[in-house]
Amino acid sequence: MKLLKWLDDYLEEALLLIMLGIMVVVMGIQITARYVFASSLSWSEEITRFLFICSGFLSASYCIKKSLSVKIDQLVNMLPGRGVHIFRLISYSIQLVFFSYLIPFAWKYVMSGIESGQLSPACGIPMYVIQSFTVISFVLCVIRLIQKWLYRLQIILGEREEKEED
């Protein structure tokens, strides 16, 4: 149970930090190899690019979890009573439909990558591994949106008090 709680609280953050750390180390090795040993690594930029792409997809669910999306709240915050929560519930519903709609297309994209057998040029990584982060990200977004949706519904029904800005 503690593991599930930890994954709920820190999954995206941990993965994003690991990816950032690997990018820093790989690019540090590349810079050292280039300027100290006058030799370039053929694989470092490709690995860094793939990690950057994967972290970009994972950051979508992190932003949903932390409510870090771009929004203008002046009008919404002026709504009376539970109006703010109802408006946010509608917003989460729209996002939920959107990400749920994207999952089958992302899955088809990964399946086509598996069928093609395409490998990355420098490292030979199967491209479906990188492409699978679209599915992972969209599924995590749906999970986070369901969590937020249920939280707002509980506030609207009076079963929960709002703790902080969400």
Foldseek 3Di string as FASTA:
>chain_A
DVVVVCCVVPVLVVLLVVLVVVLVVLVVVQVCCCPVVVDGAPCSVVSNVLSVLLNVLSVLLVCLLVVVDDDDCPVLVPDPDLSNLVVVLVVLVVLLVVLVVCQVVLVVVLVVLVVVQDADDRPRHRVSVSSCSNNVSSVSNNVSSVVSNVVSVCVVVVNDDDDDDD
